[in-house]
């Protein structure tokens, strides 16, 4: 009855999901039966899913082409430390499937450049890891202006971060005409404002794109290129397919490939 009342007055389906999860947790802690799995409760949740909006709209995945355009715009606007930091965050977020929380927790002493071809990034924890076991993400260099490995190496040199334990991404301030790289992690608003400015310049509507577009874009690129699910899920830190597949937006070419694979001998 409680969930039904919320469903009749709520503004989104997410309110039902949150309250149902809270009730389930309370019953688990008290050792009671799982009331949220009762058919009547499930029926209320299904009703809410049909009649209520989903809530916050998931950000659209950005494409690699737009990543390159945004980074080129940042470089052409000003050869500044701020723009280099933003461009590195864009490339790293896309190729590493990173959310803001991941980017903010990357420290220089958790980075290791293996020659000029591989960058190792150790994260002590990721948001979707229940037991905080940490992750090791490996990124390969590429022949591209937006190569994350080359961008990180250049940022370390320009910002004077080599050999330190400072955050990789920090706010940049100007003192007496000189850019000063901070010692604290860049805030969500700082990164969001700078990255959305670059996105808007290359024609992306800011209401549909955000920092999470980088994670969704990299995931979509990997899935559409036919990389096995197990590999790109491990790269992004997902444990279940259900949560991972929500990030993937299949391309028209991939969708058309279903019937092509069904009838290979009949293709023109």
Protein backbone atom coordinates (compact mmCIF):
# COMPACT_ATOMS: atom_id res chain seq x y z
CA UNK A 1 0.00 0.00 0.00
CA UNK A 2 2.88 2.30 0.77
CA UNK A 3 4.53 1.73 -2.62
CA UNK A 4 1.20 2.08 -4.38
CA UNK A 5 0.67 5.47 -2.73
CA UNK A 6 4.11 6.59 -3.95
CA UNK A 7 3.33 5.29 -7.44
CA UNK A 8 0.15 7.38 -7.53
CA UNK A 9 1.87 10.58 -6.39
CA UNK A 10 5.48 10.09 -7.51
CA UNK A 11 7.13 11.93 -10.35
CA UNK A 12 9.36 9.10 -11.57
CA UNK A 13 9.83 5.35 -11.43
CA UNK A 14 13.13 5.83 -9.58
CA UNK A 15 11.25 6.78 -6.39
CA UNK A 16 9.62 3.33 -6.37
CA UNK A 17 12.95 1.60 -6.97
CA UNK A 18 14.69 3.47 -4.13
CA UNK A 19 11.92 2.91 -1.60
CA UNK A 20 11.53 -0.75 -2.54
CA UNK A 21 15.27 -1.28 -2.12
CA UNK A 22 15.21 0.44 1.29
CA UNK A 23 12.35 -1.75 2.48
CA UNK A 24 14.15 -4.88 1.23
CA UNK A 25 17.34 -3.89 3.06
CA UNK A 26 15.44 -3.22 6.31
CA UNK A 27 13.78 -6.65 6.15
CA UNK A 28 17.11 -8.35 5.38
CA UNK A 29 18.76 -6.73 8.41
CA UNK A 30 15.91 -7.77 10.68
CA UNK A 31 15.86 -11.33 9.37
CA UNK A 32 12.27 -11.01 8.17
CA UNK A 33 10.81 -12.53 5.03
CA UNK A 34 11.50 -10.78 1.73
CA UNK A 35 8.24 -8.89 1.38
CA UNK A 36 9.45 -7.03 -1.72
CA UNK A 37 9.48 -10.30 -3.65
CA UNK A 38 5.78 -10.90 -2.98
CA UNK A 39 3.77 -11.03 -6.26
CA UNK A 40 1.59 -8.10 -5.16
CA UNK A 41 4.63 -5.88 -4.52
CA UNK A 42 6.16 -6.91 -7.85
CA UNK A 43 2.89 -5.99 -9.54
CA UNK A 44 3.02 -2.51 -8.00
CA UNK A 45 6.60 -2.01 -9.25
CA UNK A 46 5.63 -3.15 -12.74
CA UNK A 47 2.65 -0.77 -12.68
CA UNK A 48 4.93 2.12 -11.71
CA UNK A 49 7.38 1.23 -14.47
CA UNK A 50 4.59 1.39 -17.05
CA UNK A 51 2.90 4.62 -15.98
CA UNK A 52 5.73 6.74 -14.53
CA UNK A 53 8.66 8.30 -16.40
CA UNK A 54 12.06 6.73 -15.86
CA UNK A 55 13.45 9.76 -14.05
CA UNK A 56 16.76 11.31 -14.97
CA UNK A 57 17.54 10.83 -18.66
CA UNK A 58 20.72 8.83 -19.26
CA UNK A 59 23.36 10.83 -21.11
CA UNK A 60 23.97 10.01 -24.75
CA UNK A 61 27.27 8.29 -25.64
CA UNK A 62 29.79 10.50 -27.39
CA UNK A 63 31.61 9.22 -30.48
CA UNK A 64 35.38 9.07 -30.93
CA UNK A 65 35.08 11.56 -33.79
CA UNK A 66 33.51 14.11 -31.46
CA UNK A 67 36.18 13.40 -28.84
CA UNK A 68 38.85 14.26 -31.41
CA UNK A 69 37.00 17.42 -32.50
CA UNK A 70 36.58 18.60 -28.90
CA UNK A 71 40.27 18.08 -28.17
CA UNK A 72 41.31 19.87 -31.34
CA UNK A 73 39.13 22.82 -30.37
CA UNK A 74 40.70 22.95 -26.90
CA UNK A 75 44.17 22.97 -28.46
CA UNK A 76 43.32 25.63 -31.04
CA UNK A 77 41.65 27.94 -28.51
CA UNK A 78 44.69 28.30 -26.27
CA UNK A 79 47.82 26.24 -25.65
CA UNK A 80 47.08 26.37 -21.94
CA UNK A 81 47.58 23.96 -19.07
CA UNK A 82 43.85 24.11 -18.36
CA UNK A 83 42.91 23.04 -21.87
CA UNK A 84 45.53 20.28 -21.88
CA UNK A 85 44.09 18.96 -18.62
CA UNK A 86 40.54 19.00 -20.01
CA UNK A 87 41.60 17.31 -23.25
CA UNK A 88 43.40 14.60 -21.27
CA UNK A 89 40.30 14.04 -19.12
CA UNK A 90 38.16 13.67 -22.26
CA UNK A 91 40.51 11.12 -23.89
CA UNK A 92 41.09 9.21 -20.66
CA UNK A 93 37.39 9.16 -19.76
CA UNK A 94 36.48 7.76 -23.16
CA UNK A 95 39.22 5.13 -23.49
CA UNK A 96 39.18 4.07 -19.83
CA UNK A 97 35.37 4.02 -19.46
CA UNK A 98 35.85 6.40 -16.52
CA UNK A 99 33.16 8.33 -14.68
CA UNK A 100 33.97 11.53 -12.79
CA UNK A 101 34.58 9.62 -9.57
CA UNK A 102 37.30 7.57 -11.30
CA UNK A 103 38.99 10.59 -12.87
CA UNK A 104 39.00 12.48 -9.58
CA UNK A 105 40.73 9.61 -7.75
CA UNK A 106 43.58 9.06 -10.23
CA UNK A 107 46.87 10.07 -8.62
CA UNK A 108 50.21 10.37 -10.32
CA UNK A 109 51.84 7.66 -8.23
CA UNK A 110 49.13 5.25 -9.46
CA UNK A 111 50.26 5.75 -13.06
CA UNK A 112 52.98 3.81 -14.84
CA UNK A 113 54.16 4.44 -18.37
CA UNK A 114 55.51 1.26 -19.93
CA UNK A 115 57.77 2.59 -22.64
CA UNK A 116 55.78 4.84 -24.92
CA UNK A 117 53.07 2.36 -25.80
CA UNK A 118 51.15 1.38 -22.63
CA UNK A 119 49.78 3.30 -19.68
CA UNK A 120 48.91 1.41 -16.49
CA UNK A 121 46.36 3.05 -14.17
CA UNK A 122 45.68 1.57 -10.76
CA UNK A 123 42.46 2.65 -9.07
CA UNK A 124 42.22 1.84 -5.40
CA UNK A 125 38.45 1.55 -5.77
CA UNK A 126 35.66 2.10 -8.29
CA UNK A 127 32.10 3.11 -7.62
CA UNK A 128 30.62 -0.14 -8.88
CA UNK A 129 33.02 -2.37 -6.92
CA UNK A 130 31.29 -3.61 -3.79
CA UNK A 131 34.43 -4.78 -1.99
CA UNK A 132 36.85 -2.03 -3.08
CA UNK A 133 39.42 -4.48 -4.40
CA UNK A 134 40.90 -1.98 -6.82
CA UNK A 135 41.40 -2.19 -10.57
CA UNK A 136 44.30 -2.13 -13.00
CA UNK A 137 43.39 -0.50 -16.32
CA UNK A 138 45.76 -0.70 -19.27
CA UNK A 139 45.54 1.76 -22.16
CA UNK A 140 47.52 1.44 -25.39
CA UNK A 141 48.98 4.32 -27.36
CA UNK A 142 47.55 5.09 -30.78
CA UNK A 143 48.34 7.27 -33.75
CA UNK A 144 45.83 9.97 -32.87
CA UNK A 145 45.88 13.53 -31.63
CA UNK A 146 43.60 12.37 -28.79
CA UNK A 147 45.80 9.46 -27.67
CA UNK A 148 45.29 9.16 -23.89
CA UNK A 149 48.80 7.78 -23.29
CA UNK A 150 50.53 10.69 -25.02
CA UNK A 151 48.15 13.20 -23.42
CA UNK A 152 48.90 11.92 -19.90
CA UNK A 153 52.67 12.00 -20.53
CA UNK A 154 52.46 15.58 -21.80
CA UNK A 155 50.28 16.68 -18.89
CA UNK A 156 52.69 15.18 -16.35
CA UNK A 157 55.54 17.13 -17.94
CA UNK A 158 53.73 20.44 -18.43
CA UNK A 159 52.14 20.48 -14.94
CA UNK A 160 55.30 19.33 -13.17
CA UNK A 161 53.57 16.28 -11.71
CA UNK A 162 56.21 13.63 -12.42
CA UNK A 163 57.29 11.70 -9.33
CA UNK A 164 54.55 13.15 -7.11
CA UNK A 165 51.44 11.72 -5.46
CA UNK A 166 49.23 14.65 -6.49
CA UNK A 167 45.90 14.20 -8.30
CA UNK A 168 46.22 13.92 -12.06
CA UNK A 169 43.33 16.35 -12.57
CA UNK A 170 43.29 19.54 -10.51
CA UNK A 171 41.86 23.03 -11.04
CA UNK A 172 44.14 25.48 -12.82
CA UNK A 173 44.40 29.04 -11.52
CA UNK A 174 46.27 32.02 -12.93
CA UNK A 175 48.59 33.98 -10.64
CA UNK A 176 50.46 37.00 -12.07
CA UNK A 177 49.86 35.67 -15.56
CA UNK A 178 51.24 32.22 -14.73
CA UNK A 179 49.09 29.07 -14.68
CA UNK A 180 49.28 27.17 -11.39
CA UNK A 181 48.21 23.53 -11.19
CA UNK A 182 46.34 22.74 -7.98
CA UNK A 183 47.01 20.11 -5.34
CA UNK A 184 43.41 18.95 -4.84
CA UNK A 185 41.20 16.86 -7.17
CA UNK A 186 39.20 18.86 -9.70
CA UNK A 187 35.59 19.22 -8.64
CA UNK A 188 32.73 17.76 -10.64
CA UNK A 189 31.52 21.23 -11.63
CA UNK A 190 35.00 22.32 -12.73
CA UNK A 191 35.44 19.38 -15.10
CA UNK A 192 31.83 19.43 -16.25
CA UNK A 193 31.88 23.11 -17.12
CA UNK A 194 35.08 22.89 -19.16
CA UNK A 195 34.20 19.65 -20.95
CA UNK A 196 30.64 20.72 -21.79
CA UNK A 197 32.00 23.94 -23.25
CA UNK A 198 34.10 21.85 -25.64
CA UNK A 199 31.16 19.54 -26.40
CA UNK A 200 28.87 22.46 -27.20
CA UNK A 201 31.44 23.97 -29.54
CA UNK A 202 31.52 20.82 -31.69
CA UNK A 203 27.74 20.75 -31.98
CA UNK A 204 26.64 18.49 -29.12
CA UNK A 205 23.52 19.59 -27.15
CA UNK A 206 24.57 19.96 -23.52
CA UNK A 207 21.21 18.67 -22.24
CA UNK A 208 21.86 15.28 -23.81
CA UNK A 209 25.60 15.00 -23.13
CA UNK A 210 27.70 15.19 -19.99
CA UNK A 211 30.71 13.67 -18.23
CA UNK A 212 29.02 10.26 -18.24
CA UNK A 213 28.86 10.46 -22.06
CA UNK A 214 32.58 9.61 -22.06
CA UNK A 215 32.04 6.32 -20.20
CA UNK A 216 28.99 5.48 -22.31
CA UNK A 217 30.79 6.44 -25.52
CA UNK A 218 33.84 4.28 -24.88
CA UNK A 219 31.66 1.33 -23.88
CA UNK A 220 29.52 1.70 -27.00
CA UNK A 221 32.62 1.92 -29.21
CA UNK A 222 34.05 -1.27 -27.71
CA UNK A 223 30.80 -3.22 -27.98
CA UNK A 224 30.15 -2.14 -31.56
CA UNK A 225 33.69 -3.12 -32.57
CA UNK A 226 32.94 -6.69 -31.50
CA UNK A 227 35.18 -6.80 -28.43
CA UNK A 228 34.01 -9.71 -26.23
CA UNK A 229 31.63 -8.63 -23.47
CA UNK A 230 33.83 -10.11 -20.77
CA UNK A 231 36.78 -7.91 -21.76
CA UNK A 232 35.06 -4.54 -22.00
CA UNK A 233 33.02 -5.27 -18.86
CA UNK A 234 36.24 -5.92 -16.94
CA UNK A 235 37.76 -2.75 -18.44
CA UNK A 236 34.84 -0.72 -17.10
CA UNK A 237 34.59 -2.51 -13.77
CA UNK A 238 31.15 -4.09 -14.28
CA UNK A 239 30.24 -7.34 -12.56
CA UNK A 240 26.85 -7.97 -14.19
CA UNK A 241 25.70 -7.74 -17.78
CA UNK A 242 22.45 -6.08 -16.75
CA UNK A 243 24.14 -2.89 -15.57
CA UNK A 244 26.85 -2.92 -18.25
CA UNK A 245 24.53 -3.30 -21.24
CA UNK A 246 22.57 -0.20 -20.21
CA UNK A 247 25.56 1.83 -21.44
CA UNK A 248 25.70 0.32 -24.90
CA UNK A 249 23.92 1.89 -27.85
CA UNK A 250 24.15 -0.52 -30.76
CA UNK A 251 24.96 1.04 -34.12
CA UNK A 252 22.82 0.51 -37.20
CA UNK A 253 25.64 -1.50 -38.79
CA UNK A 254 25.75 -3.89 -35.85
CA UNK A 255 21.96 -4.31 -35.85
CA UNK A 256 21.93 -5.00 -39.59
CA UNK A 257 24.63 -7.61 -39.04
CA UNK A 258 22.10 -9.91 -37.36
CA UNK A 259 20.39 -10.90 -40.60
CA UNK A 260 23.72 -10.80 -42.46
CA UNK A 261 25.06 -13.42 -40.05
CA UNK A 262 21.86 -15.46 -40.40
CA UNK A 263 22.12 -15.67 -44.20
CA UNK A 264 25.80 -15.26 -45.14
CA UNK A 265 25.43 -17.10 -48.47
CA UNK A 266 22.57 -14.84 -49.60
CA UNK A 267 24.33 -11.52 -49.17
CA UNK A 268 24.77 -9.45 -52.36
